[in-house]
């Protein structure tokens, strides 16, 4: 039996809501990951044995930028700045490909595109 237009539209809306809910969940996970990264970077900078002024000089960033980041006021640090701060603290960030069997976020990245409305 063929479904009515309203039933098909309701199914599409339900699928779209499910996809959007999953994406929102992923955004929360990404935000938590970014917060964790920032806290680890702050910890590394505080424990590296350098003063704030030395960190600023070695990283090439303004002293005020370094202080605002260390105090948690700078919420959106750029990757370029993060790399400079890590290097100044004596760390490096490596990017490695994760094998599919160990990739816990693989299914979340493979979300289907949202349905196109009629």
PDB file of N, CA and C in Angstrom:
ATOM      1  N   UNK A   1       0.840  -1.173   0.000  1.00  0.00           N
ATOM      2  CA  UNK A   1       0.000   0.000   0.000  1.00  0.00           C
ATOM      3  C   UNK A   1       0.890   1.243   0.000  1.00  0.00           C
ATOM      4  N   UNK A   2       0.561   2.166  -0.805  1.00  0.00           N
ATOM      5  CA  UNK A   2       1.357   3.380  -0.960  1.00  0.00           C
ATOM      6  C   UNK A   2       1.071   4.353   0.186  1.00  0.00           C
ATOM      7  N   UNK A   3       2.142   4.978   0.673  1.00  0.00           N
ATOM      8  CA  UNK A   3       2.003   5.924   1.771  1.00  0.00           C
ATOM      9  C   UNK A   3       1.556   7.270   1.233  1.00  0.00           C
ATOM     10  N   UNK A   4       0.815   7.973   2.063  1.00  0.00           N
ATOM     11  CA  UNK A   4       0.356   9.298   1.654  1.00  0.00           C
ATOM     12  C   UNK A   4       1.518  10.279   1.707  1.00  0.00           C
ATOM     13  N   UNK A   5       1.327  11.411   1.097  1.00  0.00           N
ATOM     14  CA  UNK A   5       2.354  12.447   1.072  1.00  0.00           C
ATOM     15  C   UNK A   5       2.706  12.893   2.490  1.00  0.00           C
ATOM     16  N   UNK A   6       1.697  13.017   3.358  1.00  0.00           N
ATOM     17  CA  UNK A   6       1.930  13.445   4.738  1.00  0.00           C
ATOM     18  C   UNK A   6       2.770  12.421   5.505  1.00  0.00           C
ATOM     19  N   UNK A   7       2.512  11.137   5.271  1.00  0.00           N
ATOM     20  CA  UNK A   7       3.281  10.094   5.946  1.00  0.00           C
ATOM     21  C   UNK A   7       4.737  10.105   5.488  1.00  0.00           C
ATOM     22  N   UNK A   8       4.932  10.268   4.168  1.00  0.00           N
ATOM     23  CA  UNK A   8       6.310  10.338   3.655  1.00  0.00           C
ATOM     24  C   UNK A   8       7.039  11.554   4.218  1.00  0.00           C
ATOM     25  N   UNK A   9       6.335  12.686   4.278  1.00  0.00           N
ATOM     26  CA  UNK A   9       6.932  13.904   4.810  1.00  0.00           C
ATOM     27  C   UNK A   9       7.269  13.740   6.297  1.00  0.00           C
ATOM     28  N   UNK A  10       6.380  13.089   7.044  1.00  0.00           N
ATOM     29  CA  UNK A  10       6.627  12.849   8.465  1.00  0.00           C
ATOM     30  C   UNK A  10       7.848  11.938   8.655  1.00  0.00           C
ATOM     31  N   UNK A  11       7.993  10.920   7.812  1.00  0.00           N
ATOM     32  CA  UNK A  11       9.162  10.041   7.884  1.00  0.00           C
ATOM     33  C   UNK A  11      10.447  10.804   7.596  1.00  0.00           C
ATOM     34  N   UNK A  12      10.410  11.657   6.574  1.00  0.00           N
ATOM     35  CA  UNK A  12      11.590  12.455   6.231  1.00  0.00           C
ATOM     36  C   UNK A  12      11.969  13.379   7.378  1.00  0.00           C
ATOM     37  N   UNK A  13      10.955  13.996   8.002  1.00  0.00           N
ATOM     38  CA  UNK A  13      11.235  14.897   9.120  1.00  0.00           C
ATOM     39  C   UNK A  13      11.825  14.129  10.298  1.00  0.00           C
ATOM     40  N   UNK A  14      11.312  12.943  10.555  1.00  0.00           N
ATOM     41  CA  UNK A  14      11.840  12.123  11.655  1.00  0.00           C
ATOM     42  C   UNK A  14      13.290  11.735  11.384  1.00  0.00           C
ATOM     43  N   UNK A  15      13.594  11.353  10.135  1.00  0.00           N
ATOM     44  CA  UNK A  15      14.974  11.008   9.785  1.00  0.00           C
ATOM     45  C   UNK A  15      15.894  12.213   9.937  1.00  0.00           C
ATOM     46  N   UNK A  16      15.416  13.380   9.490  1.00  0.00           N
ATOM     47  CA  UNK A  16      16.204  14.605   9.592  1.00  0.00           C
ATOM     48  C   UNK A  16      16.471  14.943  11.055  1.00  0.00           C
ATOM     49  N   UNK A  17      15.473  14.809  11.912  1.00  0.00           N
ATOM     50  CA  UNK A  17      15.662  15.073  13.339  1.00  0.00           C
ATOM     51  C   UNK A  17      16.694  14.127  13.936  1.00  0.00           C
ATOM     52  N   UNK A  18      16.659  12.865  13.539  1.00  0.00           N
ATOM     53  CA  UNK A  18      17.614  11.882  14.057  1.00  0.00           C
ATOM     54  C   UNK A  18      19.036  12.243  13.629  1.00  0.00           C
ATOM     55  N   UNK A  19      19.204  12.638  12.379  1.00  0.00           N
ATOM     56  CA  UNK A  19      20.521  13.027  11.870  1.00  0.00           C
ATOM     57  C   UNK A  19      21.008  14.276  12.590  1.00  0.00           C
ATOM     58  N   UNK A  20      20.114  15.258  12.770  1.00  0.00           N
ATOM     59  CA  UNK A  20      20.512  16.485  13.452  1.00  0.00           C
ATOM     60  C   UNK A  20      20.869  16.214  14.910  1.00  0.00           C
ATOM     61  N   UNK A  21      20.145  15.334  15.572  1.00  0.00           N
ATOM     62  CA  UNK A  21      20.457  14.986  16.965  1.00  0.00           C
ATOM     63  C   UNK A  21      21.835  14.334  17.054  1.00  0.00           C
ATOM     64  N   UNK A  22      22.143  13.462  16.108  1.00  0.00           N
ATOM     65  CA  UNK A  22      23.452  12.796  16.087  1.00  0.00           C
ATOM     66  C   UNK A  22      24.571  13.812  15.853  1.00  0.00           C
ATOM     67  N   UNK A  23      24.337  14.753  14.944  1.00  0.00           N
ATOM     68  CA  UNK A  23      25.344  15.783  14.679  1.00  0.00           C
ATOM     69  C   UNK A  23      25.559  16.673  15.891  1.00  0.00           C
ATOM     70  N   UNK A  24      24.473  17.023  16.587  1.00  0.00           N
ATOM     71  CA  UNK A  24      24.617  17.828  17.797  1.00  0.00           C
ATOM     72  C   UNK A  24      25.412  17.080  18.859  1.00  0.00           C
ATOM     73  N   UNK A  25      25.178  15.789  18.964  1.00  0.00           N
ATOM     74  CA  UNK A  25      25.936  14.959  19.904  1.00  0.00           C
ATOM     75  C   UNK A  25      27.418  14.968  19.536  1.00  0.00           C
ATOM     76  N   UNK A  26      27.703  14.878  18.246  1.00  0.00           N
ATOM     77  CA  UNK A  26      29.099  14.904  17.787  1.00  0.00           C
ATOM     78  C   UNK A  26      29.748  16.248  18.082  1.00  0.00           C
ATOM     79  N   UNK A  27      28.988  17.337  17.910  1.00  0.00           N
ATOM     80  CA  UNK A  27      29.534  18.663  18.205  1.00  0.00           C
ATOM     81  C   UNK A  27      29.898  18.780  19.673  1.00  0.00           C
ATOM     82  N   UNK A  28      29.053  18.230  20.555  1.00  0.00           N
ATOM     83  CA  UNK A  28      29.346  18.263  21.982  1.00  0.00           C
ATOM     84  C   UNK A  28      30.624  17.488  22.278  1.00  0.00           C
ATOM     85  N   UNK A  29      30.802  16.349  21.613  1.00  0.00           N
ATOM     86  CA  UNK A  29      32.010  15.548  21.803  1.00  0.00           C
ATOM     87  C   UNK A  29      33.230  16.318  21.317  1.00  0.00           C
ATOM     88  N   UNK A  30      33.108  16.975  20.171  1.00  0.00           N
ATOM     89  CA  UNK A  30      34.232  17.750  19.632  1.00  0.00           C
ATOM     90  C   UNK A  30      34.561  18.911  20.559  1.00  0.00           C
ATOM     91  N   UNK A  31      33.515  19.562  21.117  1.00  0.00           N
ATOM     92  CA  UNK A  31      33.750  20.675  22.027  1.00  0.00           C
ATOM     93  C   UNK A  31      34.479  20.185  23.276  1.00  0.00           C
ATOM     94  N   UNK A  32      34.073  19.034  23.790  1.00  0.00           N
ATOM     95  CA  UNK A  32      34.734  18.463  24.965  1.00  0.00           C
ATOM     96  C   UNK A  32      36.183  18.127  24.643  1.00  0.00           C
ATOM     97  N   UNK A  33      36.436  17.625  23.431  1.00  0.00           N
ATOM     98  CA  UNK A  33      37.813  17.307  23.021  1.00  0.00           C
ATOM     99  C   UNK A  33      38.662  18.570  22.947  1.00  0.00           C
ATOM    100  N   UNK A  34      38.083  19.651  22.431  1.00  0.00           N
ATOM    101  CA  UNK A  34      38.816  20.913  22.339  1.00  0.00           C
ATOM    102  C   UNK A  34      39.129  21.449  23.733  1.00  0.00           C
ATOM    103  N   UNK A  35      38.171  21.348  24.646  1.00  0.00           N
ATOM    104  CA  UNK A  35      38.418  21.791  26.016  1.00  0.00           C
ATOM    105  C   UNK A  35      39.535  20.975  26.659  1.00  0.00           C
ATOM    106  N   UNK A  36      39.517  19.677  26.420  1.00  0.00           N
ATOM    107  CA  UNK A  36      40.557  18.811  26.973  1.00  0.00           C
ATOM    108  C   UNK A  36      41.923  19.201  26.404  1.00  0.00           C
ATOM    109  N   UNK A  37      41.995  19.425  25.101  1.00  0.00           N
ATOM    110  CA  UNK A  37      43.252  19.827  24.459  1.00  0.00           C
ATOM    111  C   UNK A  37      43.760  21.124  25.073  1.00  0.00           C
ATOM    112  N   UNK A  38      42.871  22.109  25.224  1.00  0.00           N
ATOM    113  CA  UNK A  38      43.276  23.393  25.796  1.00  0.00           C
ATOM    114  C   UNK A  38      43.769  23.236  27.228  1.00  0.00           C
ATOM    115  N   UNK A  39      43.097  22.383  28.012  1.00  0.00           N
ATOM    116  CA  UNK A  39      43.541  22.190  29.398  1.00  0.00           C
ATOM    117  C   UNK A  39      44.912  21.514  29.440  1.00  0.00           C
ATOM    118  N   UNK A  40      45.135  20.565  28.532  1.00  0.00           N
ATOM    119  CA  UNK A  40      46.443  19.905  28.477  1.00  0.00           C
ATOM    120  C   UNK A  40      47.530  20.879  28.054  1.00  0.00           C
ATOM    121  N   UNK A  41      47.219  21.750  27.107  1.00  0.00           N
ATOM    122  CA  UNK A  41      48.190  22.752  26.647  1.00  0.00           C
ATOM    123  C   UNK A  41      48.503  23.736  27.771  1.00  0.00           C
ATOM    124  N   UNK A  42      47.473  24.181  28.489  1.00  0.00           N
ATOM    125  CA  UNK A  42      47.709  25.087  29.617  1.00  0.00           C
ATOM    126  C   UNK A  42      48.609  24.427  30.665  1.00  0.00           C
ATOM    127  N   UNK A  43      48.327  23.174  30.957  1.00  0.00           N
ATOM    128  CA  UNK A  43      49.127  22.443  31.940  1.00  0.00           C
ATOM    129  C   UNK A  43      50.583  22.334  31.479  1.00  0.00           C
ATOM    130  N   UNK A  44      50.786  22.031  30.212  1.00  0.00           N
ATOM    131  CA  UNK A  44      52.151  21.918  29.678  1.00  0.00           C
ATOM    132  C   UNK A  44      52.878  23.248  29.767  1.00  0.00           C
ATOM    133  N   UNK A  45      52.177  24.339  29.472  1.00  0.00           N
ATOM    134  CA  UNK A  45      52.815  25.661  29.524  1.00  0.00           C
ATOM    135  C   UNK A  45      53.157  26.062  30.960  1.00  0.00           C
ATOM    136  N   UNK A  46      52.276  25.740  31.888  1.00  0.00           N
ATOM    137  CA  UNK A  46      52.528  26.108  33.286  1.00  0.00           C
ATOM    138  C   UNK A  46      53.665  25.295  33.883  1.00  0.00           C
ATOM    139  N   UNK A  47      53.859  24.076  33.391  1.00  0.00           N
ATOM    140  CA  UNK A  47      54.880  23.189  33.957  1.00  0.00           C
ATOM    141  C   UNK A  47      56.176  23.139  33.150  1.00  0.00           C
ATOM    142  N   UNK A  48      56.315  23.976  32.128  1.00  0.00           N
ATOM    143  CA  UNK A  48      57.504  23.880  31.264  1.00  0.00           C
ATOM    144  C   UNK A  48      58.720  24.594  31.843  1.00  0.00           C
ATOM    145  N   UNK A  49      58.536  25.376  32.899  1.00  0.00           N
ATOM    146  CA  UNK A  49      59.684  26.041  33.524  1.00  0.00           C
ATOM    147  C   UNK A  49      60.016  27.389  32.933  1.00  0.00           C
ATOM    148  N   UNK A  50      59.171  27.919  32.063  1.00  0.00           N
ATOM    149  CA  UNK A  50      59.402  29.227  31.466  1.00  0.00           C
ATOM    150  C   UNK A  50      58.424  30.240  32.044  1.00  0.00           C
ATOM    151  N   UNK A  51      58.836  31.497  32.039  1.00  0.00           N
ATOM    152  CA  UNK A  51      57.926  32.559  32.453  1.00  0.00           C
ATOM    153  C   UNK A  51      56.974  32.864  31.290  1.00  0.00           C
ATOM    154  N   UNK A  52      55.911  33.593  31.603  1.00  0.00           N
ATOM    155  CA  UNK A  52      54.962  33.970  30.550  1.00  0.00           C
ATOM    156  C   UNK A  52      55.641  34.804  29.468  1.00  0.00           C
ATOM    157  N   UNK A  53      56.541  35.663  29.867  1.00  0.00           N
ATOM    158  CA  UNK A  53      57.246  36.504  28.903  1.00  0.00           C
ATOM    159  C   UNK A  53      58.153  35.647  28.005  1.00  0.00           C
ATOM    160  N   UNK A  54      58.824  34.655  28.581  1.00  0.00           N
ATOM    161  CA  UNK A  54      59.666  33.775  27.769  1.00  0.00           C
ATOM    162  C   UNK A  54      58.819  32.960  26.796  1.00  0.00           C
ATOM    163  N   UNK A  55      57.684  32.466  27.264  1.00  0.00           N
ATOM    164  CA  UNK A  55      56.790  31.720  26.375  1.00  0.00           C
ATOM    165  C   UNK A  55      56.355  32.610  25.215  1.00  0.00           C
ATOM    166  N   UNK A  56      56.017  33.863  25.518  1.00  0.00           N
ATOM    167  CA  UNK A  56      55.599  34.798  24.468  1.00  0.00           C
ATOM    168  C   UNK A  56      56.734  35.043  23.477  1.00  0.00           C
ATOM    169  N   UNK A  57      57.943  35.237  23.986  1.00  0.00           N
ATOM    170  CA  UNK A  57      59.083  35.483  23.102  1.00  0.00           C
ATOM    171  C   UNK A  57      59.392  34.275  22.226  1.00  0.00           C
ATOM    172  N   UNK A  58      59.404  33.080  22.817  1.00  0.00           N
ATOM    173  CA  UNK A  58      59.746  31.875  22.062  1.00  0.00           C
ATOM    174  C   UNK A  58      58.650  31.495  21.056  1.00  0.00           C
ATOM    175  N   UNK A  59      57.400  31.787  21.401  1.00  0.00           N
ATOM    176  CA  UNK A  59      56.295  31.405  20.517  1.00  0.00           C
ATOM    177  C   UNK A  59      56.013  32.455  19.449  1.00  0.00           C
ATOM    178  N   UNK A  60      56.471  33.681  19.672  1.00  0.00           N
ATOM    179  CA  UNK A  60      56.198  34.747  18.716  1.00  0.00           C
ATOM    180  C   UNK A  60      54.832  35.375  18.900  1.00  0.00           C
ATOM    181  N   UNK A  61      54.165  35.060  19.993  1.00  0.00           N
ATOM    182  CA  UNK A  61      52.843  35.628  20.271  1.00  0.00           C
ATOM    183  C   UNK A  61      52.974  36.814  21.218  1.00  0.00           C
ATOM    184  N   UNK A  62      51.958  37.647  21.248  1.00  0.00           N
ATOM    185  CA  UNK A  62      51.949  38.764  22.191  1.00  0.00           C
ATOM    186  C   UNK A  62      51.862  38.239  23.616  1.00  0.00           C
ATOM    187  N   UNK A  63      52.498  38.971  24.523  1.00  0.00           N
ATOM    188  CA  UNK A  63      52.462  38.601  25.931  1.00  0.00           C
ATOM    189  C   UNK A  63      51.022  38.565  26.445  1.00  0.00           C
ATOM    190  N   UNK A  64      50.207  39.514  26.017  1.00  0.00           N
ATOM    191  CA  UNK A  64      48.811  39.564  26.466  1.00  0.00           C
ATOM    192  C   UNK A  64      48.018  38.355  25.970  1.00  0.00           C
ATOM    193  N   UNK A  65      48.333  37.865  24.780  1.00  0.00           N
ATOM    194  CA  UNK A  65      47.664  36.678  24.243  1.00  0.00           C
ATOM    195  C   UNK A  65      48.003  35.454  25.075  1.00  0.00           C
ATOM    196  N   UNK A  66      49.266  35.326  25.431  1.00  0.00           N
ATOM    197  CA  UNK A  66      49.707  34.179  26.241  1.00  0.00           C
ATOM    198  C   UNK A  66      49.033  34.213  27.610  1.00  0.00           C
ATOM    199  N   UNK A  67      49.003  35.379  28.232  1.00  0.00           N
ATOM    200  CA  UNK A  67      48.395  35.495  29.558  1.00  0.00           C
ATOM    201  C   UNK A  67      46.900  35.209  29.490  1.00  0.00           C
ATOM    202  N   UNK A  68      46.222  35.759  28.492  1.00  0.00           N
ATOM    203  CA  UNK A  68      44.766  35.526  28.406  1.00  0.00           C
ATOM    204  C   UNK A  68      44.464  34.054  28.150  1.00  0.00           C
ATOM    205  N   UNK A  69      45.313  33.369  27.376  1.00  0.00           N
ATOM    206  CA  UNK A  69      45.103  31.935  27.158  1.00  0.00           C
ATOM    207  C   UNK A  69      45.334  31.147  28.443  1.00  0.00           C
ATOM    208  N   UNK A  70      46.408  31.466  29.156  1.00  0.00           N
ATOM    209  CA  UNK A  70      46.721  30.739  30.381  1.00  0.00           C
ATOM    210  C   UNK A  70      45.659  30.949  31.459  1.00  0.00           C
ATOM    211  N   UNK A  71      45.016  32.107  31.449  1.00  0.00           N
ATOM    212  CA  UNK A  71      43.967  32.377  32.433  1.00  0.00           C
ATOM    213  C   UNK A  71      42.596  31.879  31.969  1.00  0.00           C
ATOM    214  N   UNK A  72      42.531  31.339  30.754  1.00  0.00           N
ATOM    215  CA  UNK A  72      41.272  30.784  30.263  1.00  0.00           C
ATOM    216  C   UNK A  72      40.339  31.793  29.641  1.00  0.00           C
ATOM    217  N   UNK A  73      40.808  32.994  29.392  1.00  0.00           N
ATOM    218  CA  UNK A  73      39.954  34.021  28.789  1.00  0.00           C
ATOM    219  C   UNK A  73      39.864  33.886  27.278  1.00  0.00           C
ATOM    220  N   UNK A  74      40.893  33.344  26.664  1.00  0.00           N
ATOM    221  CA  UNK A  74      40.925  33.193  25.207  1.00  0.00           C
ATOM    222  C   UNK A  74      40.317  31.845  24.858  1.00  0.00           C
ATOM    223  N   UNK A  75      39.024  31.815  24.495  1.00  0.00           N
ATOM    224  CA  UNK A  75      38.303  30.569  24.287  1.00  0.00           C
ATOM    225  C   UNK A  75      38.580  29.936  22.924  1.00  0.00           C
ATOM    226  N   UNK A  76      38.896  30.719  21.931  1.00  0.00           N
ATOM    227  CA  UNK A  76      39.066  30.176  20.580  1.00  0.00           C
ATOM    228  C   UNK A  76      40.509  30.402  20.111  1.00  0.00           C
ATOM    229  N   UNK A  77      41.395  29.543  20.540  1.00  0.00           N
ATOM    230  CA  UNK A  77      42.789  29.663  20.127  1.00  0.00           C
ATOM    231  C   UNK A  77      42.952  29.064  18.733  1.00  0.00           C
ATOM    232  N   UNK A  78      43.714  29.729  17.905  1.00  0.00           N
ATOM    233  CA  UNK A  78      43.956  29.224  16.551  1.00  0.00           C
ATOM    234  C   UNK A  78      45.003  28.113  16.611  1.00  0.00           C
ATOM    235  N   UNK A  79      44.911  27.202  15.661  1.00  0.00           N
ATOM    236  CA  UNK A  79      45.860  26.083  15.632  1.00  0.00           C
ATOM    237  C   UNK A  79      47.295  26.585  15.481  1.00  0.00           C
ATOM    238  N   UNK A  80      47.479  27.631  14.695  1.00  0.00           N
ATOM    239  CA  UNK A  80      48.817  28.189  14.509  1.00  0.00           C
ATOM    240  C   UNK A  80      49.388  28.647  15.848  1.00  0.00           C
ATOM    241  N   UNK A  81      48.563  29.283  16.661  1.00  0.00           N
ATOM    242  CA  UNK A  81      49.001  29.732  17.983  1.00  0.00           C
ATOM    243  C   UNK A  81      49.249  28.544  18.906  1.00  0.00           C
ATOM    244  N   UNK A  82      48.388  27.535  18.821  1.00  0.00           N
ATOM    245  CA  UNK A  82      48.556  26.347  19.655  1.00  0.00           C
ATOM    246  C   UNK A  82      49.877  25.647  19.326  1.00  0.00           C
ATOM    247  N   UNK A  83      50.191  25.535  18.037  1.00  0.00           N
ATOM    248  CA  UNK A  83      51.464  24.920  17.639  1.00  0.00           C
ATOM    249  C   UNK A  83      52.646  25.734  18.168  1.00  0.00           C
ATOM    250  N   UNK A  84      52.554  27.059  18.066  1.00  0.00           N
ATOM    251  CA  UNK A  84      53.643  27.915  18.547  1.00  0.00           C
ATOM    252  C   UNK A  84      53.827  27.760  20.053  1.00  0.00           C
ATOM    253  N   UNK A  85      52.718  27.693  20.796  1.00  0.00           N
ATOM    254  CA  UNK A  85      52.804  27.530  22.247  1.00  0.00           C
ATOM    255  C   UNK A  85      53.370  26.164  22.619  1.00  0.00           C
ATOM    256  N   UNK A  86      52.949  25.122  21.907  1.00  0.00           N
ATOM    257  CA  UNK A  86      53.472  23.781  22.189  1.00  0.00           C
ATOM    258  C   UNK A  86      54.968  23.718  21.935  1.00  0.00           C
ATOM    259  N   UNK A  87      55.402  24.313  20.847  1.00  0.00           N
ATOM    260  CA  UNK A  87      56.822  24.317  20.513  1.00  0.00           C
ATOM    261  C   UNK A  87      57.618  25.065  21.580  1.00  0.00           C
ATOM    262  N   UNK A  88      57.072  26.195  22.038  1.00  0.00           N
ATOM    263  CA  UNK A  88      57.758  26.971  23.076  1.00  0.00           C
ATOM    264  C   UNK A  88      57.875  26.172  24.369  1.00  0.00           C
ATOM    265  N   UNK A  89      56.872  25.341  24.650  1.00  0.00           N
ATOM    266  CA  UNK A  89      56.884  24.532  25.876  1.00  0.00           C
ATOM    267  C   UNK A  89      57.723  23.264  25.724  1.00  0.00           C
ATOM    268  N   UNK A  90      58.182  22.977  24.510  1.00  0.00           N
ATOM    269  CA  UNK A  90      59.013  21.791  24.288  1.00  0.00           C
ATOM    270  C   UNK A  90      58.231  20.561  23.869  1.00  0.00           C
ATOM    271  N   UNK A  91      57.054  20.756  23.297  1.00  0.00           N
ATOM    272  CA  UNK A  91      56.219  19.649  22.830  1.00  0.00           C
ATOM    273  C   UNK A  91      56.005  19.751  21.333  1.00  0.00           C
ATOM    274  N   UNK A  92      55.563  18.654  20.747  1.00  0.00           N
ATOM    275  CA  UNK A  92      55.161  18.688  19.344  1.00  0.00           C
ATOM    276  C   UNK A  92      53.898  17.853  19.189  1.00  0.00           C
ATOM    277  N   UNK A  93      53.112  18.216  18.217  1.00  0.00           N
ATOM    278  CA  UNK A  93      51.868  17.510  17.942  1.00  0.00           C
ATOM    279  C   UNK A  93      52.066  16.714  16.664  1.00  0.00           C
ATOM    280  N   UNK A  94      51.745  15.440  16.731  1.00  0.00           N
ATOM    281  CA  UNK A  94      51.835  14.611  15.533  1.00  0.00           C
ATOM    282  C   UNK A  94      50.436  14.186  15.116  1.00  0.00           C
ATOM    283  N   UNK A  95      50.244  14.050  13.838  1.00  0.00           N
ATOM    284  CA  UNK A  95      48.958  13.620  13.297  1.00  0.00           C
ATOM    285  C   UNK A  95      49.181  12.261  12.652  1.00  0.00           C
ATOM    286  N   UNK A  96      48.427  11.288  13.120  1.00  0.00           N
ATOM    287  CA  UNK A  96      48.556   9.928  12.621  1.00  0.00           C
ATOM    288  C   UNK A  96      47.203   9.413  12.160  1.00  0.00           C
ATOM    289  N   UNK A  97      47.228   8.602  11.151  1.00  0.00           N
ATOM    290  CA  UNK A  97      46.012   7.957  10.665  1.00  0.00           C
ATOM    291  C   UNK A  97      45.642   6.835  11.624  1.00  0.00           C
ATOM    292  N   UNK A  98      44.373   6.786  12.006  1.00  0.00           N
ATOM    293  CA  UNK A  98      43.887   5.738  12.895  1.00  0.00           C
ATOM    294  C   UNK A  98      43.354   4.604  12.038  1.00  0.00           C
ATOM    295  N   UNK A  99      43.706   3.384  12.407  1.00  0.00           N
ATOM    296  CA  UNK A  99      43.176   2.254  11.657  1.00  0.00           C
ATOM    297  C   UNK A  99      41.669   2.168  11.885  1.00  0.00           C
ATOM    298  N   UNK A 100      40.902   1.763  10.872  1.00  0.00           N
ATOM    299  CA  UNK A 100      39.436   1.733  11.006  1.00  0.00           C
ATOM    300  C   UNK A 100      38.937   0.919  12.198  1.00  0.00           C
ATOM    301  N   UNK A 101      39.616  -0.146  12.555  1.00  0.00           N
ATOM    302  CA  UNK A 101      39.127  -0.964  13.670  1.00  0.00           C
ATOM    303  C   UNK A 101      39.338  -0.280  15.018  1.00  0.00           C
ATOM    304  N   UNK A 102      40.269   0.681  15.113  1.00  0.00           N
ATOM    305  CA  UNK A 102      40.507   1.409  16.358  1.00  0.00           C
ATOM    306  C   UNK A 102      39.869   2.790  16.377  1.00  0.00           C
ATOM    307  N   UNK A 103      39.192   3.157  15.309  1.00  0.00           N
ATOM    308  CA  UNK A 103      38.598   4.487  15.177  1.00  0.00           C
ATOM    309  C   UNK A 103      37.218   4.500  15.823  1.00  0.00           C
ATOM    310  N   UNK A 104      37.134   5.064  17.025  1.00  0.00           N
ATOM    311  CA  UNK A 104      35.862   5.050  17.753  1.00  0.00           C
ATOM    312  C   UNK A 104      34.845   6.042  17.182  1.00  0.00           C
ATOM    313  N   UNK A 105      35.281   7.038  16.417  1.00  0.00           N
ATOM    314  CA  UNK A 105      34.372   8.030  15.857  1.00  0.00           C
ATOM    315  C   UNK A 105      34.034   7.774  14.390  1.00  0.00           C
ATOM    316  N   UNK A 106      34.451   6.656  13.857  1.00  0.00           N
ATOM    317  CA  UNK A 106      34.246   6.378  12.430  1.00  0.00           C
ATOM    318  C   UNK A 106      32.766   6.417  12.049  1.00  0.00           C
ATOM    319  N   UNK A 107      31.930   5.780  12.837  1.00  0.00           N
ATOM    320  CA  UNK A 107      30.510   5.729  12.487  1.00  0.00           C
ATOM    321  C   UNK A 107      29.873   7.114  12.549  1.00  0.00           C
ATOM    322  N   UNK A 108      30.331   7.965  13.471  1.00  0.00           N
ATOM    323  CA  UNK A 108      29.768   9.314  13.564  1.00  0.00           C
ATOM    324  C   UNK A 108      30.142  10.184  12.373  1.00  0.00           C
ATOM    325  N   UNK A 109      31.329   9.963  11.813  1.00  0.00           N
ATOM    326  CA  UNK A 109      31.742  10.761  10.650  1.00  0.00           C
ATOM    327  C   UNK A 109      31.072  10.298   9.371  1.00  0.00           C
ATOM    328  N   UNK A 110      30.503   9.129   9.391  1.00  0.00           N
ATOM    329  CA  UNK A 110      29.888   8.568   8.190  1.00  0.00           C
ATOM    330  C   UNK A 110      28.373   8.803   8.152  1.00  0.00           C
ATOM    331  N   UNK A 111      27.928   9.919   8.718  1.00  0.00           N
ATOM    332  CA  UNK A 111      26.500  10.216   8.705  1.00  0.00           C
ATOM    333  C   UNK A 111      26.026  10.506   7.288  1.00  0.00           C
ATOM    334  N   UNK A 112      24.824  10.058   6.967  1.00  0.00           N
ATOM    335  CA  UNK A 112      24.296  10.378   5.646  1.00  0.00           C
ATOM    336  C   UNK A 112      23.915  11.850   5.589  1.00  0.00           C
ATOM    337  N   UNK A 113      23.926  12.434   4.419  1.00  0.00           N
ATOM    338  CA  UNK A 113      23.520  13.835   4.304  1.00  0.00           C
ATOM    339  C   UNK A 113      22.041  13.972   4.649  1.00  0.00           C
ATOM    340  N   UNK A 114      21.630  15.129   5.133  1.00  0.00           N
ATOM    341  CA  UNK A 114      20.212  15.292   5.458  1.00  0.00           C
ATOM    342  C   UNK A 114      19.350  15.161   4.202  1.00  0.00           C
ATOM    343  N   UNK A 115      18.134  14.661   4.366  1.00  0.00           N
ATOM    344  CA  UNK A 115      17.263  14.490   3.190  1.00  0.00           C
ATOM    345  C   UNK A 115      16.868  15.833   2.593  1.00  0.00           C
ATOM    346  N   UNK A 116      16.658  15.842   1.317  1.00  0.00           N
ATOM    347  CA  UNK A 116      16.240  17.051   0.617  1.00  0.00           C
ATOM    348  C   UNK A 116      14.731  17.163   0.708  1.00  0.00           C
ATOM    349  N   UNK A 117      14.266  18.336   1.126  1.00  0.00           N
ATOM    350  CA  UNK A 117      12.828  18.558   1.244  1.00  0.00           C
ATOM    351  C   UNK A 117      12.199  18.692  -0.127  1.00  0.00           C
ATOM    352  N   UNK A 118      10.974  18.190  -0.245  1.00  0.00           N
ATOM    353  CA  UNK A 118      10.231  18.293  -1.516  1.00  0.00           C
ATOM    354  C   UNK A 118       9.719  19.697  -1.732  1.00  0.00           C
TER     355      UNK A 118
END
